[in-house]
Amino acid sequence: MKWYDDMNQQEKRSFKKVITICAVGAILILLIPVFFHAIFK
């Protein structure tokens, strides 16, 4: 991951923010159908 080491602190922080948002978004997309099935059985 040489390209990651080359980034400065600002870029690393925004990069981590993007990764976190993507992860949270993916989890929500997976959980919403399960959530609705649990409520509207």
PDB file of N, CA and C in Angstrom:
ATOM      1  N   MET A   1       0.850  -1.207   0.000  1.00  0.00           N
ATOM      2  CA  MET A   1       0.000   0.000   0.000  1.00  0.00           C
ATOM      3  C   MET A   1       0.883   1.254   0.000  1.00  0.00           C
ATOM      4  N   LYS A   2       1.797   1.336  -0.970  1.00  0.00           N
ATOM      5  CA  LYS A   2       2.721   2.480  -1.039  1.00  0.00           C
ATOM      6  C   LYS A   2       1.965   3.786  -1.284  1.00  0.00           C
ATOM      7  N   TRP A   3       0.952   3.744  -2.141  1.00  0.00           N
ATOM      8  CA  TRP A   3       0.174   4.950  -2.439  1.00  0.00           C
ATOM      9  C   TRP A   3      -0.472   5.515  -1.182  1.00  0.00           C
ATOM     10  N   TYR A   4      -0.841   4.641  -0.241  1.00  0.00           N
ATOM     11  CA  TYR A   4      -1.448   5.107   1.015  1.00  0.00           C
ATOM     12  C   TYR A   4      -0.409   5.835   1.862  1.00  0.00           C
ATOM     13  N   ASP A   5       0.813   5.291   1.914  1.00  0.00           N
ATOM     14  CA  ASP A   5       1.890   5.928   2.683  1.00  0.00           C
ATOM     15  C   ASP A   5       2.272   7.280   2.098  1.00  0.00           C
ATOM     16  N   ASP A   6       2.096   7.442   0.797  1.00  0.00           N
ATOM     17  CA  ASP A   6       2.454   8.705   0.138  1.00  0.00           C
ATOM     18  C   ASP A   6       1.472   9.834   0.444  1.00  0.00           C
ATOM     19  N   MET A   7       0.258   9.495   0.860  1.00  0.00           N
ATOM     20  CA  MET A   7      -0.736  10.529   1.158  1.00  0.00           C
ATOM     21  C   MET A   7      -0.375  11.272   2.440  1.00  0.00           C
ATOM     22  N   ASN A   8      -0.729  12.559   2.483  1.00  0.00           N
ATOM     23  CA  ASN A   8      -0.492  13.311   3.716  1.00  0.00           C
ATOM     24  C   ASN A   8      -1.650  13.082   4.702  1.00  0.00           C
ATOM     25  N   GLN A   9      -1.533  13.658   5.899  1.00  0.00           N
ATOM     26  CA  GLN A   9      -2.526  13.411   6.965  1.00  0.00           C
ATOM     27  C   GLN A   9      -3.938  13.816   6.539  1.00  0.00           C
ATOM     28  N   GLN A  10      -4.071  14.977   5.904  1.00  0.00           N
ATOM     29  CA  GLN A  10      -5.383  15.473   5.468  1.00  0.00           C
ATOM     30  C   GLN A  10      -6.040  14.463   4.527  1.00  0.00           C
ATOM     31  N   GLU A  11      -5.286  13.997   3.542  1.00  0.00           N
ATOM     32  CA  GLU A  11      -5.825  13.037   2.582  1.00  0.00           C
ATOM     33  C   GLU A  11      -6.182  11.729   3.256  1.00  0.00           C
ATOM     34  N   LYS A  12      -5.335  11.285   4.209  1.00  0.00           N
ATOM     35  CA  LYS A  12      -5.626  10.035   4.915  1.00  0.00           C
ATOM     36  C   LYS A  12      -6.921  10.155   5.704  1.00  0.00           C
ATOM     37  N   ARG A  13      -7.144  11.318   6.326  1.00  0.00           N
ATOM     38  CA  ARG A  13      -8.343  11.503   7.135  1.00  0.00           C
ATOM     39  C   ARG A  13      -9.587  11.459   6.257  1.00  0.00           C
ATOM     40  N   SER A  14      -9.562  12.173   5.124  1.00  0.00           N
ATOM     41  CA  SER A  14     -10.728  12.182   4.233  1.00  0.00           C
ATOM     42  C   SER A  14     -10.934  10.809   3.604  1.00  0.00           C
ATOM     43  N   PHE A  15      -9.833  10.094   3.339  1.00  0.00           N
ATOM     44  CA  PHE A  15      -9.909   8.741   2.784  1.00  0.00           C
ATOM     45  C   PHE A  15     -10.602   7.811   3.768  1.00  0.00           C
ATOM     46  N   LYS A  16     -10.216   7.899   5.052  1.00  0.00           N
ATOM     47  CA  LYS A  16     -10.847   7.064   6.086  1.00  0.00           C
ATOM     48  C   LYS A  16     -12.320   7.412   6.228  1.00  0.00           C
ATOM     49  N   LYS A  17     -12.655   8.711   6.088  1.00  0.00           N
ATOM     50  CA  LYS A  17     -14.051   9.139   6.198  1.00  0.00           C
ATOM     51  C   LYS A  17     -14.877   8.508   5.080  1.00  0.00           C
ATOM     52  N   VAL A  18     -14.339   8.520   3.864  1.00  0.00           N
ATOM     53  CA  VAL A  18     -15.043   7.925   2.715  1.00  0.00           C
ATOM     54  C   VAL A  18     -15.258   6.428   2.933  1.00  0.00           C
ATOM     55  N   ILE A  19     -14.203   5.737   3.402  1.00  0.00           N
ATOM     56  CA  ILE A  19     -14.305   4.297   3.664  1.00  0.00           C
ATOM     57  C   ILE A  19     -15.377   4.014   4.715  1.00  0.00           C
ATOM     58  N   THR A  20     -15.369   4.823   5.789  1.00  0.00           N
ATOM     59  CA  THR A  20     -16.349   4.643   6.868  1.00  0.00           C
ATOM     60  C   THR A  20     -17.769   4.849   6.355  1.00  0.00           C
ATOM     61  N   ILE A  21     -17.977   5.919   5.574  1.00  0.00           N
ATOM     62  CA  ILE A  21     -19.312   6.207   5.037  1.00  0.00           C
ATOM     63  C   ILE A  21     -19.772   5.063   4.129  1.00  0.00           C
ATOM     64  N   CYS A  22     -18.876   4.562   3.302  1.00  0.00           N
ATOM     65  CA  CYS A  22     -19.221   3.440   2.410  1.00  0.00           C
ATOM     66  C   CYS A  22     -19.598   2.199   3.213  1.00  0.00           C
ATOM     67  N   ALA A  23     -18.835   1.918   4.268  1.00  0.00           N
ATOM     68  CA  ALA A  23     -19.098   0.741   5.101  1.00  0.00           C
ATOM     69  C   ALA A  23     -20.454   0.877   5.793  1.00  0.00           C
ATOM     70  N   VAL A  24     -20.706   2.050   6.380  1.00  0.00           N
ATOM     71  CA  VAL A  24     -21.982   2.279   7.067  1.00  0.00           C
ATOM     72  C   VAL A  24     -23.140   2.181   6.077  1.00  0.00           C
ATOM     73  N   GLY A  25     -22.963   2.767   4.901  1.00  0.00           N
ATOM     74  CA  GLY A  25     -23.997   2.709   3.865  1.00  0.00           C
ATOM     75  C   GLY A  25     -24.310   1.272   3.453  1.00  0.00           C
ATOM     76  N   ALA A  26     -23.264   0.475   3.273  1.00  0.00           N
ATOM     77  CA  ALA A  26     -23.453  -0.918   2.879  1.00  0.00           C
ATOM     78  C   ALA A  26     -24.190  -1.699   3.963  1.00  0.00           C
ATOM     79  N   ILE A  27     -23.807  -1.460   5.223  1.00  0.00           N
ATOM     80  CA  ILE A  27     -24.469  -2.141   6.349  1.00  0.00           C
ATOM     81  C   ILE A  27     -25.949  -1.754   6.411  1.00  0.00           C
ATOM     82  N   LEU A  28     -26.240  -0.454   6.244  1.00  0.00           N
ATOM     83  CA  LEU A  28     -27.636   0.000   6.268  1.00  0.00           C
ATOM     84  C   LEU A  28     -28.435  -0.640   5.141  1.00  0.00           C
ATOM     85  N   ILE A  29     -27.858  -0.680   3.946  1.00  0.00           N
ATOM     86  CA  ILE A  29     -28.557  -1.272   2.796  1.00  0.00           C
ATOM     87  C   ILE A  29     -28.859  -2.753   3.061  1.00  0.00           C
ATOM     88  N   LEU A  30     -27.939  -3.440   3.741  1.00  0.00           N
ATOM     89  CA  LEU A  30     -28.175  -4.852   4.053  1.00  0.00           C
ATOM     90  C   LEU A  30     -29.194  -5.031   5.179  1.00  0.00           C
ATOM     91  N   LEU A  31     -29.181  -4.113   6.155  1.00  0.00           N
ATOM     92  CA  LEU A  31     -30.041  -4.278   7.332  1.00  0.00           C
ATOM     93  C   LEU A  31     -31.472  -3.800   7.129  1.00  0.00           C
ATOM     94  N   ILE A  32     -31.677  -2.800   6.252  1.00  0.00           N
ATOM     95  CA  ILE A  32     -33.024  -2.247   6.074  1.00  0.00           C
ATOM     96  C   ILE A  32     -34.047  -3.318   5.678  1.00  0.00           C
ATOM     97  N   PRO A  33     -33.779  -4.193   4.689  1.00  0.00           N
ATOM     98  CA  PRO A  33     -34.770  -5.230   4.359  1.00  0.00           C
ATOM     99  C   PRO A  33     -35.053  -6.169   5.528  1.00  0.00           C
ATOM    100  N   VAL A  34     -34.009  -6.536   6.264  1.00  0.00           N
ATOM    101  CA  VAL A  34     -34.180  -7.412   7.433  1.00  0.00           C
ATOM    102  C   VAL A  34     -35.063  -6.718   8.460  1.00  0.00           C
ATOM    103  N   PHE A  35     -34.782  -5.435   8.690  1.00  0.00           N
ATOM    104  CA  PHE A  35     -35.530  -4.611   9.633  1.00  0.00           C
ATOM    105  C   PHE A  35     -37.012  -4.568   9.258  1.00  0.00           C
ATOM    106  N   PHE A  36     -37.298  -4.316   7.968  1.00  0.00           N
ATOM    107  CA  PHE A  36     -38.686  -4.248   7.513  1.00  0.00           C
ATOM    108  C   PHE A  36     -39.387  -5.594   7.626  1.00  0.00           C
ATOM    109  N   HIS A  37     -38.686  -6.675   7.323  1.00  0.00           N
ATOM    110  CA  HIS A  37     -39.301  -8.005   7.441  1.00  0.00           C
ATOM    111  C   HIS A  37     -39.641  -8.301   8.905  1.00  0.00           C
ATOM    112  N   ALA A  38     -38.810  -7.839   9.824  1.00  0.00           N
ATOM    113  CA  ALA A  38     -39.059  -8.085  11.248  1.00  0.00           C
ATOM    114  C   ALA A  38     -40.309  -7.336  11.717  1.00  0.00           C
ATOM    115  N   ILE A  39     -40.519  -6.133  11.185  1.00  0.00           N
ATOM    116  CA  ILE A  39     -41.659  -5.315  11.597  1.00  0.00           C
ATOM    117  C   ILE A  39     -42.944  -5.761  10.906  1.00  0.00           C
ATOM    118  N   PHE A  40     -42.879  -5.926   9.587  1.00  0.00           N
ATOM    119  CA  PHE A  40     -44.102  -6.201   8.802  1.00  0.00           C
ATOM    120  C   PHE A  40     -44.219  -7.672   8.460  1.00  0.00           C
ATOM    121  N   LYS A  41     -44.263  -8.513   9.477  1.00  0.00           N
ATOM    122  CA  LYS A  41     -44.408  -9.945   9.233  1.00  0.00           C
ATOM    123  C   LYS A  41     -45.856 -10.268   8.907  1.00  0.00           C
TER     124      LYS A  41
END
